[in-house]
Amino acid sequence: MKSLLASLAVAAMVLSTSVAQAGGPVIIEEGNDEMVAEKPASSVGLLPVIGLLVLACLVACGNNGSDPVPVTPTPDPGK
């Protein structure tokens, strides 16, 4: 029983130390004074511009929701 308990304790210790070291060391670089260039706030992506063009085309070329007036044929006066 003692050997089983001891082997379980050793296994738990080995597993816990391997989990604790799984991430590896964290290295922090110092002296990196690079400035990151920021994008200007006025730059707009291409997708909103395309969306506005499609919306404008739908409004300009749309059907306005009106159905065409049905045309009834006129009877021939010769019959």
Foldseek 3Di string as FASTA:
>chain_A
DVVVVVVVVVVVVVVVVCVVCVVDDDDDDPPPPDDDDDDDPPDDDPVVVVVVVVVVCCVVVPPVPDDDDDDDDDDDPVD
